[in-house]
N, C-alpha and C. Protein backbone atom coordinates (compact mmCIF):
# COMPACT_ATOMS: atom_id res chain seq x y z
N MET A 1 -6.99 8.04 13.10
CA MET A 1 -6.05 7.29 11.94
C MET A 1 -7.02 6.66 10.96
N LYS A 2 -6.65 6.25 10.19
CA LYS A 2 -7.27 5.29 9.04
C LYS A 2 -6.54 4.58 8.51
N LEU A 3 -6.80 3.20 8.50
CA LEU A 3 -5.95 1.92 8.26
C LEU A 3 -6.58 1.38 6.93
N TYR A 4 -5.69 1.60 5.91
CA TYR A 4 -6.25 0.91 4.62
C TYR A 4 -5.68 -0.69 4.55
N SER A 5 -6.70 -1.30 4.29
CA SER A 5 -6.72 -2.91 4.96
C SER A 5 -7.60 -3.89 3.94
N CYS A 6 -7.35 -4.59 3.64
CA CYS A 6 -8.17 -5.67 3.03
C CYS A 6 -8.09 -7.15 4.29
N TRP A 7 -9.50 -7.76 4.22
CA TRP A 7 -9.97 -8.59 5.25
C TRP A 7 -8.63 -10.20 4.90
N GLN A 8 -8.72 -10.22 3.05
CA GLN A 8 -7.55 -11.05 3.02
C GLN A 8 -6.06 -11.00 3.38
N SER A 9 -5.63 -9.64 4.12
CA SER A 9 -4.54 -9.41 3.67
C SER A 9 -3.87 -10.14 5.47
N LEU A 10 -2.72 -10.82 5.27
CA LEU A 10 -2.20 -11.11 6.64
C LEU A 10 -1.39 -9.93 7.21
N ALA A 11 -0.94 -9.37 6.42
CA ALA A 11 0.23 -7.89 6.90
C ALA A 11 -0.76 -7.16 7.55
N SER A 12 -2.15 -6.97 6.70
CA SER A 12 -3.00 -5.95 7.56
C SER A 12 -4.18 -6.93 8.84
N PHE A 13 -3.81 -7.90 8.93
CA PHE A 13 -4.31 -8.24 10.44
C PHE A 13 -3.28 -8.23 11.39
N ARG A 14 -1.98 -8.27 10.48
CA ARG A 14 -1.21 -7.96 12.38
C ARG A 14 -1.35 -6.44 12.42
N VAL A 15 -1.12 -5.57 11.57
CA VAL A 15 -1.63 -4.27 12.23
C VAL A 15 -2.82 -4.18 12.77
N ARG A 16 -4.05 -4.61 12.34
CA ARG A 16 -5.25 -4.83 12.93
C ARG A 16 -5.06 -5.49 14.57
N ILE A 17 -4.46 -6.20 14.66
CA ILE A 17 -3.86 -6.86 16.11
C ILE A 17 -3.59 -5.70 16.84
N ALA A 18 -2.61 -5.51 16.37
CA ALA A 18 -1.62 -4.30 17.39
C ALA A 18 -2.69 -3.04 17.88
N LEU A 19 -3.36 -2.76 16.88
CA LEU A 19 -4.31 -1.54 16.88
C LEU A 19 -5.08 -1.35 18.31
N ASN A 20 -5.64 -3.18 18.00
CA ASN A 20 -6.68 -3.57 19.14
C ASN A 20 -5.83 -3.37 20.37
N LEU A 21 -4.64 -4.20 20.45
CA LEU A 21 -3.72 -4.23 21.37
C LEU A 21 -3.74 -3.16 22.73
N LYS A 22 -3.35 -2.10 21.51
CA LYS A 22 -2.75 -1.17 22.03
C LYS A 22 -4.07 0.10 22.44
N GLY A 23 -5.35 -0.51 22.39
CA GLY A 23 -6.47 0.48 21.96
C GLY A 23 -6.69 1.67 21.48
N ILE A 24 -6.26 1.67 20.44
CA ILE A 24 -6.48 2.97 19.26
C ILE A 24 -7.25 2.79 18.40
N ALA A 25 -8.17 3.57 18.24
CA ALA A 25 -8.94 3.60 17.45
C ALA A 25 -8.74 3.94 16.21
N TYR A 26 -9.67 3.38 15.08
CA TYR A 26 -8.85 3.63 13.65
C TYR A 26 -9.89 3.64 12.66
N GLU A 27 -9.97 4.55 11.42
CA GLU A 27 -11.16 3.82 10.49
C GLU A 27 -10.82 3.13 9.65
N LEU A 28 -11.03 1.63 9.61
CA LEU A 28 -11.10 1.02 8.60
C LEU A 28 -11.41 1.54 7.15
N VAL A 29 -10.27 1.58 6.00
CA VAL A 29 -10.61 1.82 4.78
C VAL A 29 -10.46 0.29 3.79
N ALA A 30 -11.36 -0.55 3.59
CA ALA A 30 -11.45 -1.58 2.65
C ALA A 30 -10.76 -1.36 1.34
N VAL A 31 -9.81 -2.19 0.82
CA VAL A 31 -9.13 -1.96 -0.59
C VAL A 31 -9.52 -3.45 -0.79
N ASP A 32 -10.14 -3.30 -2.05
CA ASP A 32 -10.64 -4.65 -2.34
C ASP A 32 -9.64 -5.54 -3.37
N LEU A 33 -8.93 -6.33 -2.74
CA LEU A 33 -7.38 -6.87 -3.78
C LEU A 33 -8.35 -7.60 -4.73
N ASP A 34 -9.28 -8.17 -4.94
CA ASP A 34 -9.68 -8.90 -5.61
C ASP A 34 -10.06 -8.21 -6.99
N ARG A 35 -10.66 -7.05 -6.56
CA ARG A 35 -10.62 -5.95 -7.87
C ARG A 35 -9.57 -5.55 -7.87
N ARG A 36 -8.45 -5.43 -7.42
CA ARG A 36 -7.18 -4.93 -7.53
C ARG A 36 -7.37 -3.39 -7.25
N GLN A 37 -7.64 -2.94 -6.21
CA GLN A 37 -8.00 -1.64 -5.98
C GLN A 37 -6.56 -0.80 -5.28
N GLN A 38 -5.70 -1.68 -5.28
CA GLN A 38 -4.55 -1.37 -4.73
C GLN A 38 -4.05 -0.82 -5.58
N PHE A 39 -4.38 -0.26 -6.91
CA PHE A 39 -3.77 0.01 -8.24
C PHE A 39 -4.40 1.05 -8.89
N ASP A 40 -5.58 0.87 -8.15
CA ASP A 40 -6.07 2.45 -8.26
C ASP A 40 -5.53 3.50 -7.95
N GLY A 41 -5.49 4.95 -8.75
CA GLY A 41 -4.48 5.83 -8.67
C GLY A 41 -4.88 6.61 -7.34
N ALA A 42 -5.66 6.82 -6.47
CA ALA A 42 -5.85 6.92 -5.11
C ALA A 42 -4.97 6.57 -4.50
N TYR A 43 -4.83 5.38 -4.05
CA TYR A 43 -4.64 4.39 -3.11
C TYR A 43 -2.68 4.34 -3.64
N ALA A 44 -2.47 4.31 -5.24
CA ALA A 44 -1.19 4.20 -5.51
C ALA A 44 -0.61 5.27 -4.87
N ALA A 45 -0.95 6.77 -5.05
CA ALA A 45 -0.65 7.99 -4.58
C ALA A 45 -0.34 7.97 -3.34
N LEU A 46 -1.07 7.58 -2.60
CA LEU A 46 -1.13 6.73 -0.63
C LEU A 46 0.36 5.96 -0.91
N ASN A 47 0.23 4.81 -1.78
CA ASN A 47 1.28 4.32 -1.02
C ASN A 47 2.03 3.79 -2.50
N PRO A 48 3.06 4.35 -3.03
CA PRO A 48 3.47 3.92 -4.40
C PRO A 48 3.85 2.41 -4.52
N GLN A 49 4.33 1.71 -3.61
CA GLN A 49 4.36 0.28 -3.85
C GLN A 49 2.91 -0.62 -3.82
N MET A 50 1.72 0.01 -3.75
CA MET A 50 0.56 -0.91 -4.19
C MET A 50 0.38 -1.86 -3.59
N ALA A 51 0.90 -1.88 -1.86
CA ALA A 51 0.83 -2.93 -1.33
C ALA A 51 0.00 -2.75 0.12
N LEU A 52 -0.72 -3.42 0.69
CA LEU A 52 -1.36 -3.35 1.99
C LEU A 52 -0.49 -3.86 3.05
N PRO A 53 -0.59 -2.96 4.35
CA PRO A 53 -1.91 -2.15 4.46
C PRO A 53 -0.80 -0.63 4.19
N ALA A 54 -1.79 0.41 5.05
CA ALA A 54 -1.39 2.16 4.69
C ALA A 54 -2.29 2.01 6.21
N LEU A 55 -1.23 2.86 6.96
CA LEU A 55 -1.65 3.48 8.18
C LEU A 55 -1.34 4.79 8.16
N VAL A 56 -2.50 6.03 7.72
CA VAL A 56 -2.43 7.73 7.87
C VAL A 56 -2.57 8.21 9.12
N LEU A 57 -1.98 8.53 9.84
CA LEU A 57 -1.67 9.17 11.12
C LEU A 57 -2.47 10.36 10.94
N ASP A 58 -3.19 10.65 12.50
CA ASP A 58 -3.92 12.25 11.99
C ASP A 58 -3.29 13.55 11.71
N ASP A 59 -1.97 13.44 11.34
CA ASP A 59 -1.28 14.46 10.53
C ASP A 59 -1.23 14.22 9.37
N GLY A 60 -1.81 13.14 8.73
CA GLY A 60 -1.38 13.03 7.69
C GLY A 60 -0.49 12.17 6.77
N THR A 61 0.74 11.99 8.28
CA THR A 61 1.89 10.80 7.60
C THR A 61 0.94 9.65 7.35
N VAL A 62 1.91 9.00 6.12
CA VAL A 62 1.41 7.67 5.60
C VAL A 62 2.72 6.79 6.03
N LEU A 63 2.37 5.72 6.85
CA LEU A 63 3.03 4.67 7.28
C LEU A 63 2.75 3.42 6.40
N THR A 64 3.93 2.63 6.15
CA THR A 64 3.83 1.03 5.28
C THR A 64 4.87 0.15 6.08
N GLN A 65 4.29 -1.00 5.41
CA GLN A 65 5.12 -2.28 5.99
C GLN A 65 4.96 -2.32 7.19
N SER A 66 4.14 -3.79 7.76
CA SER A 66 3.23 -3.94 8.43
C SER A 66 4.48 -4.34 9.49
N LEU A 67 5.61 -4.59 9.68
CA LEU A 67 6.81 -4.18 10.75
C LEU A 67 6.95 -3.12 11.11
N ALA A 68 7.05 -2.22 10.29
CA ALA A 68 7.78 -0.93 10.52
C ALA A 68 6.65 -0.07 11.42
N ILE A 69 5.22 -0.62 10.63
CA ILE A 69 3.76 0.31 11.64
C ILE A 69 3.88 -0.49 13.03
N LEU A 70 4.38 -1.80 13.15
CA LEU A 70 4.28 -2.26 14.61
C LEU A 70 5.03 -1.36 15.46
N ASP A 71 6.47 -1.18 14.57
CA ASP A 71 7.58 -0.24 15.66
C ASP A 71 7.28 0.92 15.90
N TYR A 72 6.56 1.68 14.77
CA TYR A 72 6.15 3.20 15.32
C TYR A 72 4.86 2.73 16.34
N LEU A 73 4.14 1.72 16.33
CA LEU A 73 2.91 1.90 17.03
C LEU A 73 3.38 1.73 18.43
N ASP A 74 4.70 0.79 18.79
CA ASP A 74 5.20 0.61 19.87
C ASP A 74 5.76 1.56 20.68
N GLU A 75 6.51 2.53 19.39
CA GLU A 75 7.35 3.50 20.30
C GLU A 75 6.19 5.00 20.97
N ALA A 76 5.23 4.92 19.58
CA ALA A 76 4.07 5.62 19.95
C ALA A 76 3.50 5.79 21.05
N CYS A 77 2.93 4.60 21.60
CA CYS A 77 1.99 3.89 22.10
C CYS A 77 2.68 2.83 23.49
N PRO A 78 3.55 3.07 24.16
CA PRO A 78 4.64 1.63 24.55
C PRO A 78 3.72 0.98 25.67
N THR A 79 2.88 0.96 25.68
CA THR A 79 1.77 -0.26 26.63
C THR A 79 0.67 -0.55 26.11
N PRO A 80 0.37 -1.89 25.80
CA PRO A 80 1.61 -2.68 25.96
C PRO A 80 2.48 -3.19 25.04
N ALA A 81 3.52 -3.25 25.84
CA ALA A 81 4.62 -3.40 24.59
C ALA A 81 4.16 -4.27 23.60
N LEU A 82 5.17 -4.44 22.49
CA LEU A 82 4.78 -5.50 21.81
C LEU A 82 6.54 -6.17 21.60
N LEU A 83 6.99 -5.50 22.14
CA LEU A 83 8.56 -6.22 22.23
C LEU A 83 9.36 -5.98 24.02
N PRO A 84 9.98 -6.97 24.14
CA PRO A 84 10.78 -7.46 25.48
C PRO A 84 11.39 -6.27 26.09
N ALA A 85 11.83 -5.77 26.79
CA ALA A 85 12.42 -4.91 27.78
C ALA A 85 13.87 -5.21 27.19
N ASP A 86 14.45 -6.20 26.92
CA ASP A 86 15.44 -6.64 27.14
C ASP A 86 16.26 -6.69 25.83
N ALA A 87 17.56 -6.35 25.49
CA ALA A 87 18.09 -6.65 23.81
C ALA A 87 18.04 -7.63 23.16
N LYS A 88 18.17 -8.60 24.57
CA LYS A 88 18.31 -10.48 23.61
C LYS A 88 17.10 -10.76 23.43
N GLY A 89 16.05 -10.21 24.12
CA GLY A 89 14.74 -10.36 24.07
C GLY A 89 13.98 -9.86 22.82
N ARG A 90 14.27 -8.78 22.77
CA ARG A 90 14.13 -8.12 21.75
C ARG A 90 14.28 -8.95 20.19
N ALA A 91 15.65 -9.20 20.22
CA ALA A 91 16.41 -9.58 19.06
C ALA A 91 15.41 -11.07 18.76
N ARG A 92 15.49 -11.66 19.84
CA ARG A 92 14.49 -13.05 19.60
C ARG A 92 13.03 -12.79 18.80
N VAL A 93 12.54 -11.77 19.87
CA VAL A 93 11.41 -11.52 18.59
C VAL A 93 11.31 -11.39 17.63
N ARG A 94 12.26 -10.02 17.38
CA ARG A 94 12.32 -9.68 16.11
C ARG A 94 12.64 -10.76 14.56
N ALA A 95 13.55 -12.01 15.24
CA ALA A 95 13.85 -13.05 14.52
C ALA A 95 12.44 -13.78 13.86
N LEU A 96 11.90 -14.23 15.27
CA LEU A 96 10.66 -14.81 15.02
C LEU A 96 9.49 -14.24 14.11
N ALA A 97 9.33 -12.97 14.39
CA ALA A 97 8.54 -11.76 13.33
C ALA A 97 9.00 -12.30 11.98
N ALA A 98 10.12 -11.96 12.03
CA ALA A 98 10.53 -11.58 10.43
C ALA A 98 10.85 -13.25 9.94
N MET A 99 10.97 -14.28 10.41
CA MET A 99 10.94 -15.73 10.38
C MET A 99 9.30 -15.93 9.06
N ILE A 100 8.54 -15.10 9.63
CA ILE A 100 6.84 -14.79 9.00
C ILE A 100 6.78 -14.12 7.92
N ALA A 101 7.01 -12.45 8.55
CA ALA A 101 6.90 -11.11 7.61
C ALA A 101 7.90 -11.24 6.81
N CYS A 102 8.85 -11.41 6.80
CA CYS A 102 9.97 -11.33 5.74
C CYS A 102 10.66 -12.70 4.89
N ASP A 103 10.39 -13.61 5.34
CA ASP A 103 10.71 -14.94 4.88
C ASP A 103 9.57 -15.62 4.18
N VAL A 104 8.46 -16.00 4.35
CA VAL A 104 7.59 -16.74 4.34
C VAL A 104 6.43 -16.02 3.22
N HIS A 105 6.06 -14.91 3.83
CA HIS A 105 4.68 -14.23 3.90
C HIS A 105 5.10 -13.87 2.02
N PRO A 106 6.41 -13.45 1.61
CA PRO A 106 6.73 -12.83 0.43
C PRO A 106 6.37 -13.78 -0.65
N LEU A 107 6.50 -14.87 -0.32
CA LEU A 107 6.62 -15.87 -1.50
C LEU A 107 4.47 -16.45 -1.39
N THR A 108 3.94 -15.77 -0.97
CA THR A 108 2.26 -16.20 -0.79
C THR A 108 1.87 -15.17 -1.03
N THR A 109 2.32 -13.97 -0.99
CA THR A 109 1.17 -12.84 -1.31
C THR A 109 0.10 -13.57 -2.41
N PRO A 110 -0.62 -12.59 -2.56
CA PRO A 110 -1.81 -12.24 -3.97
C PRO A 110 -0.82 -11.73 -5.36
N ARG A 111 -0.21 -11.43 -5.22
CA ARG A 111 0.57 -10.62 -6.61
C ARG A 111 1.48 -11.37 -6.58
N VAL A 112 2.10 -12.85 -5.40
CA VAL A 112 3.10 -13.42 -6.34
C VAL A 112 2.00 -14.47 -6.66
N GLN A 113 1.24 -15.18 -6.22
CA GLN A 113 0.19 -16.02 -6.79
C GLN A 113 -0.34 -15.53 -8.08
N ARG A 114 -0.35 -14.48 -8.74
CA ARG A 114 -0.95 -13.98 -9.70
C ARG A 114 0.20 -14.08 -10.44
N TYR A 115 1.58 -13.82 -10.44
CA TYR A 115 2.21 -13.72 -11.12
C TYR A 115 2.12 -15.70 -11.64
N LEU A 116 2.73 -15.92 -10.19
CA LEU A 116 2.92 -17.92 -11.00
C LEU A 116 1.35 -18.06 -11.89
N THR A 117 0.07 -17.85 -12.04
CA THR A 117 -0.94 -18.09 -12.51
C THR A 117 -0.64 -17.37 -13.92
N GLU A 118 -0.67 -16.31 -13.95
CA GLU A 118 -0.68 -15.32 -14.93
C GLU A 118 0.51 -15.15 -15.93
N VAL A 119 1.55 -15.54 -15.29
CA VAL A 119 2.70 -15.23 -16.14
C VAL A 119 3.37 -16.45 -16.23
N LEU A 120 3.25 -17.25 -15.21
CA LEU A 120 4.48 -18.36 -15.70
C LEU A 120 3.23 -19.64 -15.99
N HIS A 121 2.20 -19.49 -15.84
CA HIS A 121 1.24 -20.30 -16.29
C HIS A 121 1.27 -21.39 -15.37
N VAL A 122 1.32 -21.48 -14.08
CA VAL A 122 1.44 -22.42 -13.03
C VAL A 122 -0.20 -22.78 -12.93
N ASP A 123 -0.18 -23.69 -12.93
CA ASP A 123 -1.71 -24.36 -12.55
C ASP A 123 -2.35 -24.81 -11.36
N ASP A 124 -3.21 -24.82 -10.82
CA ASP A 124 -4.17 -24.72 -9.53
C ASP A 124 -3.41 -25.74 -8.56
N ALA A 125 -2.99 -26.92 -8.87
CA ALA A 125 -2.56 -27.81 -7.62
C ALA A 125 -1.39 -27.43 -7.81
N ALA A 126 -0.16 -26.88 -9.25
CA ALA A 126 1.22 -26.49 -8.62
C ALA A 126 0.98 -25.36 -7.67
N ARG A 127 0.25 -24.41 -7.93
CA ARG A 127 0.25 -23.12 -7.28
C ARG A 127 -0.10 -23.91 -5.50
N GLY A 128 -1.01 -24.39 -5.38
CA GLY A 128 -1.53 -24.91 -4.15
C GLY A 128 -0.23 -25.59 -3.53
N ALA A 129 0.68 -26.64 -4.40
CA ALA A 129 1.74 -27.33 -3.61
C ALA A 129 2.84 -26.48 -3.08
N TRP A 130 2.95 -25.21 -4.37
CA TRP A 130 4.10 -23.89 -3.55
C TRP A 130 3.50 -23.49 -2.27
N LEU A 131 2.25 -22.92 -1.93
CA LEU A 131 1.64 -22.34 -0.91
C LEU A 131 2.19 -23.39 0.20
N ARG A 132 1.37 -24.76 0.28
CA ARG A 132 1.52 -26.12 1.03
C ARG A 132 2.57 -25.70 1.70
N HIS A 133 3.84 -26.26 0.28
CA HIS A 133 5.40 -26.10 0.89
C HIS A 133 5.95 -25.12 1.90
N TRP A 134 5.79 -23.69 1.88
CA TRP A 134 6.09 -23.10 2.43
C TRP A 134 5.88 -22.87 3.83
N ALA A 135 4.24 -22.73 3.58
CA ALA A 135 3.61 -22.90 4.68
C ALA A 135 3.84 -23.79 5.72
N ALA A 136 4.13 -25.15 5.45
CA ALA A 136 4.72 -26.32 6.09
C ALA A 136 6.19 -26.23 6.88
N GLU A 137 6.94 -25.37 5.90
CA GLU A 137 8.58 -25.50 6.13
C GLU A 137 8.93 -24.09 7.65
N THR A 138 7.93 -23.15 7.15
CA THR A 138 7.69 -22.11 8.03
C THR A 138 6.96 -22.51 9.71
N LEU A 139 6.04 -23.33 9.68
CA LEU A 139 5.42 -24.33 10.82
C LEU A 139 6.52 -25.04 11.83
N THR A 140 7.51 -25.66 10.76
CA THR A 140 8.45 -26.52 11.14
C THR A 140 9.59 -25.74 12.17
N ALA A 141 10.05 -24.94 11.19
CA ALA A 141 11.08 -23.92 11.52
C ALA A 141 10.33 -23.03 13.05
N PHE A 142 9.43 -22.82 12.84
CA PHE A 142 8.71 -21.61 13.79
C PHE A 142 8.91 -22.74 15.21
N GLU A 143 8.05 -23.91 14.82
CA GLU A 143 8.24 -25.12 16.33
C GLU A 143 9.73 -25.31 16.13
N ALA A 144 10.24 -25.43 15.93
CA ALA A 144 12.00 -25.65 16.50
C ALA A 144 12.20 -24.63 17.26
N GLN A 145 12.01 -23.23 16.71
CA GLN A 145 12.72 -22.43 17.65
C GLN A 145 12.18 -22.04 18.79
N VAL A 146 10.30 -22.23 19.06
CA VAL A 146 9.66 -22.16 20.22
C VAL A 146 9.70 -23.35 21.05
N ALA A 147 9.52 -24.77 20.90
CA ALA A 147 9.66 -25.75 21.56
C ALA A 147 10.67 -25.86 22.29
N GLY A 148 10.40 -25.80 23.82
CA GLY A 148 11.28 -26.26 24.85
C GLY A 148 12.30 -24.90 24.90
N HIS A 149 12.02 -23.84 24.16
CA HIS A 149 12.94 -22.87 24.47
C HIS A 149 12.86 -22.24 25.59
N PRO A 150 13.89 -21.89 26.85
CA PRO A 150 13.55 -21.18 28.05
C PRO A 150 12.47 -20.18 28.13
N SER A 151 12.65 -19.59 26.99
CA SER A 151 12.10 -18.11 26.80
C SER A 151 10.09 -17.90 26.45
N THR A 152 9.87 -19.42 25.87
CA THR A 152 9.00 -19.14 25.66
C THR A 152 8.21 -19.56 26.65
N GLY A 153 6.45 -18.83 26.89
CA GLY A 153 5.83 -18.89 27.70
C GLY A 153 4.24 -19.48 27.22
N ARG A 154 3.39 -18.73 27.79
CA ARG A 154 2.11 -18.95 27.20
C ARG A 154 2.00 -18.24 25.41
N PHE A 155 3.09 -17.99 25.31
CA PHE A 155 3.28 -17.20 24.16
C PHE A 155 4.60 -17.37 23.28
N ALA A 156 5.01 -16.79 22.25
CA ALA A 156 6.04 -17.11 21.67
C ALA A 156 7.52 -16.85 22.76
N HIS A 157 7.56 -15.57 23.14
CA HIS A 157 8.24 -15.21 24.39
C HIS A 157 7.43 -14.64 25.51
N GLY A 158 7.61 -15.37 26.51
CA GLY A 158 7.00 -14.92 27.86
C GLY A 158 5.31 -15.03 27.92
N ASP A 159 4.83 -14.40 28.97
CA ASP A 159 3.41 -14.58 29.15
C ASP A 159 2.53 -13.65 28.15
N ALA A 160 2.94 -12.59 27.57
CA ALA A 160 2.21 -11.80 27.21
C ALA A 160 2.37 -11.69 25.46
N PRO A 161 1.63 -11.52 24.84
CA PRO A 161 1.52 -11.63 23.20
C PRO A 161 2.47 -10.66 22.77
N THR A 162 3.79 -10.89 22.09
CA THR A 162 4.06 -9.82 21.11
C THR A 162 4.02 -9.78 19.70
N MET A 163 5.31 -8.91 19.01
CA MET A 163 5.14 -8.83 17.64
C MET A 163 5.37 -10.24 17.29
N ALA A 164 6.09 -11.10 17.81
CA ALA A 164 6.02 -12.70 17.09
C ALA A 164 4.50 -13.21 17.09
N ASP A 165 3.77 -13.33 18.23
CA ASP A 165 3.02 -13.79 18.35
C ASP A 165 1.87 -13.40 16.99
N ILE A 166 1.86 -11.93 16.51
CA ILE A 166 1.29 -10.97 15.94
C ILE A 166 1.33 -11.34 14.65
N CYS A 167 2.65 -11.88 14.24
CA CYS A 167 3.26 -12.20 12.80
C CYS A 167 2.58 -14.04 12.60
N LEU A 168 2.65 -14.63 13.84
CA LEU A 168 2.53 -16.39 13.91
C LEU A 168 1.04 -16.28 13.56
N VAL A 169 -0.02 -15.85 13.99
CA VAL A 169 -1.40 -16.03 14.08
C VAL A 169 -1.53 -16.15 12.67
N GLY A 170 -1.33 -14.95 12.00
CA GLY A 170 -1.59 -14.74 10.34
C GLY A 170 -1.20 -16.21 9.55
N HIS A 171 0.49 -16.26 9.97
CA HIS A 171 0.48 -17.41 9.21
C HIS A 171 -0.06 -19.03 9.80
N ALA A 172 -0.45 -19.11 10.84
CA ALA A 172 -1.44 -20.17 11.28
C ALA A 172 -2.67 -20.06 10.57
N VAL A 173 -3.09 -18.96 10.10
CA VAL A 173 -4.54 -18.87 9.65
C VAL A 173 -4.59 -19.49 8.23
N PHE A 174 -3.45 -18.67 8.00
CA PHE A 174 -3.04 -19.22 6.20
C PHE A 174 -2.64 -20.71 6.14
N ALA A 175 -1.76 -21.54 7.28
CA ALA A 175 -1.56 -22.50 6.74
C ALA A 175 -2.62 -23.73 7.10
N VAL A 176 -3.59 -23.37 7.76
CA VAL A 176 -4.94 -23.96 8.21
C VAL A 176 -5.45 -24.17 6.69
N ASN A 177 -6.05 -22.76 5.96
CA ASN A 177 -6.71 -22.53 4.88
C ASN A 177 -5.96 -23.17 3.88
N LYS A 178 -5.10 -23.91 3.94
CA LYS A 178 -4.17 -24.42 2.70
C LYS A 178 -4.36 -25.87 3.02
N GLY A 179 -4.79 -26.52 4.03
CA GLY A 179 -5.60 -28.04 4.44
C GLY A 179 -4.33 -28.39 5.58
N LEU A 180 -2.91 -27.48 5.88
CA LEU A 180 -2.53 -27.99 6.99
C LEU A 180 -2.98 -28.27 8.36
N ASP A 181 -2.59 -29.34 9.43
CA ASP A 181 -2.94 -29.40 10.38
C ASP A 181 -1.82 -29.04 11.64
N LEU A 182 -2.34 -28.26 12.37
CA LEU A 182 -1.22 -27.31 13.33
C LEU A 182 -0.70 -28.47 14.44
N ALA A 183 -1.28 -29.72 14.40
CA ALA A 183 -1.21 -30.82 15.34
C ALA A 183 0.45 -31.35 14.83
N SER A 184 1.10 -30.78 14.06
CA SER A 184 2.30 -31.44 13.39
C SER A 184 3.15 -29.95 14.28
N ALA A 185 2.75 -29.23 14.70
CA ALA A 185 3.51 -28.18 15.09
C ALA A 185 2.61 -27.98 16.78
N PRO A 186 2.97 -28.89 17.78
CA PRO A 186 2.16 -28.62 18.81
C PRO A 186 2.16 -27.33 19.34
N THR A 187 3.31 -26.81 19.45
CA THR A 187 4.12 -25.37 20.67
C THR A 187 3.24 -24.34 19.64
N VAL A 188 3.43 -24.24 18.45
CA VAL A 188 2.71 -23.42 17.76
C VAL A 188 1.11 -23.43 17.45
N LYS A 189 0.47 -24.77 17.78
CA LYS A 189 -0.86 -24.73 17.81
C LYS A 189 -1.04 -24.02 19.37
N ARG A 190 -0.49 -24.32 20.28
CA ARG A 190 -0.86 -24.07 21.36
C ARG A 190 -0.85 -22.26 21.70
N ILE A 191 0.25 -21.61 21.14
CA ILE A 191 0.34 -20.54 21.00
C ILE A 191 -0.63 -19.89 20.37
N PHE A 192 -1.20 -20.38 18.86
CA PHE A 192 -1.76 -19.55 18.05
C PHE A 192 -3.22 -19.64 19.03
N GLU A 193 -3.36 -20.90 19.28
CA GLU A 193 -5.02 -20.80 20.11
C GLU A 193 -4.62 -20.07 21.38
N ALA A 194 -3.78 -19.57 22.20
CA ALA A 194 -3.73 -18.73 22.93
C ALA A 194 -3.76 -17.52 23.04
N ALA A 195 -3.34 -16.89 21.75
CA ALA A 195 -3.32 -15.59 20.93
C ALA A 195 -4.95 -15.40 20.64
N MET A 196 -5.62 -16.64 19.86
CA MET A 196 -6.77 -15.99 19.36
C MET A 196 -8.16 -16.01 20.27
N ALA A 197 -7.49 -16.43 21.71
CA ALA A 197 -8.76 -16.44 22.49
C ALA A 197 -8.59 -15.30 23.26
N LEU A 198 -7.82 -14.15 22.93
CA LEU A 198 -7.71 -12.81 23.55
C LEU A 198 -8.60 -11.80 22.52
N PRO A 199 -9.59 -11.10 22.68
CA PRO A 199 -10.17 -10.46 21.86
C PRO A 199 -9.24 -9.40 20.65
N ALA A 200 -8.42 -8.78 21.18
CA ALA A 200 -8.03 -8.01 20.28
C ALA A 200 -7.36 -9.00 19.35
N PHE A 201 -7.18 -10.17 19.54
CA PHE A 201 -6.48 -10.91 18.04
C PHE A 201 -7.91 -11.24 17.39
N ALA A 202 -9.15 -12.06 18.10
CA ALA A 202 -10.17 -12.25 17.74
C ALA A 202 -11.00 -11.05 16.95
N GLN A 203 -10.75 -10.17 17.32
CA GLN A 203 -11.79 -9.38 16.36
C GLN A 203 -10.80 -8.63 15.02
N ALA A 204 -9.86 -9.11 14.88
CA ALA A 204 -8.96 -8.47 14.17
C ALA A 204 -8.71 -9.65 12.98
N HIS A 205 -9.55 -10.96 13.32
CA HIS A 205 -9.39 -11.89 12.39
C HIS A 205 -9.82 -11.78 11.16
N PRO A 206 -9.40 -12.40 9.60
CA PRO A 206 -9.97 -11.82 8.47
C PRO A 206 -11.50 -12.51 8.49
N LEU A 207 -11.83 -12.74 8.93
CA LEU A 207 -13.23 -13.39 8.94
C LEU A 207 -14.31 -13.23 10.14
N ALA A 208 -13.72 -11.90 10.24
CA ALA A 208 -14.49 -10.66 11.53
C ALA A 208 -14.36 -9.73 10.91
N GLN A 209 -14.18 -9.34 9.40
CA GLN A 209 -14.00 -7.70 9.37
C GLN A 209 -15.07 -7.56 8.39
N PRO A 210 -15.11 -5.94 8.00
CA PRO A 210 -16.85 -5.40 7.76
C PRO A 210 -16.74 -5.92 6.35
N ASP A 211 -15.49 -5.86 5.60
CA ASP A 211 -15.44 -6.05 4.31
C ASP A 211 -14.94 -7.73 3.95
N THR A 212 -15.28 -8.54 4.64
CA THR A 212 -15.38 -9.97 5.03
C THR A 212 -16.48 -10.37 4.05
N PRO A 213 -16.29 -11.14 2.82
CA PRO A 213 -17.81 -11.84 2.08
C PRO A 213 -18.78 -12.06 2.95
N GLU A 214 -20.40 -11.66 2.99
CA GLU A 214 -21.21 -12.20 3.73
C GLU A 214 -20.70 -13.79 3.88
N PRO A 215 -20.76 -14.50 3.04
CA PRO A 215 -20.97 -16.06 3.46
C PRO A 215 -20.10 -16.31 3.99
N LEU A 216 -18.46 -15.43 3.94
CA LEU A 216 -17.78 -16.12 5.02
C LEU A 216 -17.29 -15.72 6.48
N ARG A 217 -18.11 -14.59 6.39
CA ARG A 217 -17.96 -14.16 7.58
C ARG A 217 -18.35 -14.49 9.25
N ARG A 218 -17.61 -14.14 10.07
CA ARG A 218 -18.52 -14.91 11.52
C ARG A 218 -18.31 -14.07 12.41
N ASN A 219 -18.97 -14.30 13.47
CA ASN A 219 -19.15 -13.00 14.24
C ASN A 219 -17.44 -12.96 15.12
N SER A 220 -16.79 -12.22 15.35
CA SER A 220 -15.50 -12.08 16.49
C SER A 220 -15.64 -12.75 17.61
């Protein structure tokens, strides 16, 4: 299968983690967001939304939207599971994942940032304040959901990584990049560090990708 991805794309980060956790081999096809290659005809034909990621299965089926892709991978390759076995647990994990992927991430994507600057003429200081506000608000909310909760273990739900952790690590990386200190959310910080200690997460990190600019690249 092929994964259309960009090192900067946090949604692509999620799918890379899931593929790594499942041990699924894939070919990475880099799409340069800075050069706006997502709007090129070939990719637009593949994914008319012109957003990342897109996962093309061996039979040619194209899957889009990171959470939908994670659901597919969990159904097609059930081990290790990205969702708990019980219905209440699955609902909690999906809610935690949605806090990141559905609530805050849409406010901070490159296309939203471009609209702020190119159309609304928001200056860099105001754009940075916008991003830090939403990043901090979500860290606080996520911390409140996991700190002291009986279902929180080594990870956001239990002692094995789930979809919630896959989404959380991307937001934590984003928050740190925007100058926020994870110490303000100690449970989030602990979960983030536990997840990033796993090879499946570390190897998917934005700064460990083949298309990461050389000056920024680090070893996984």
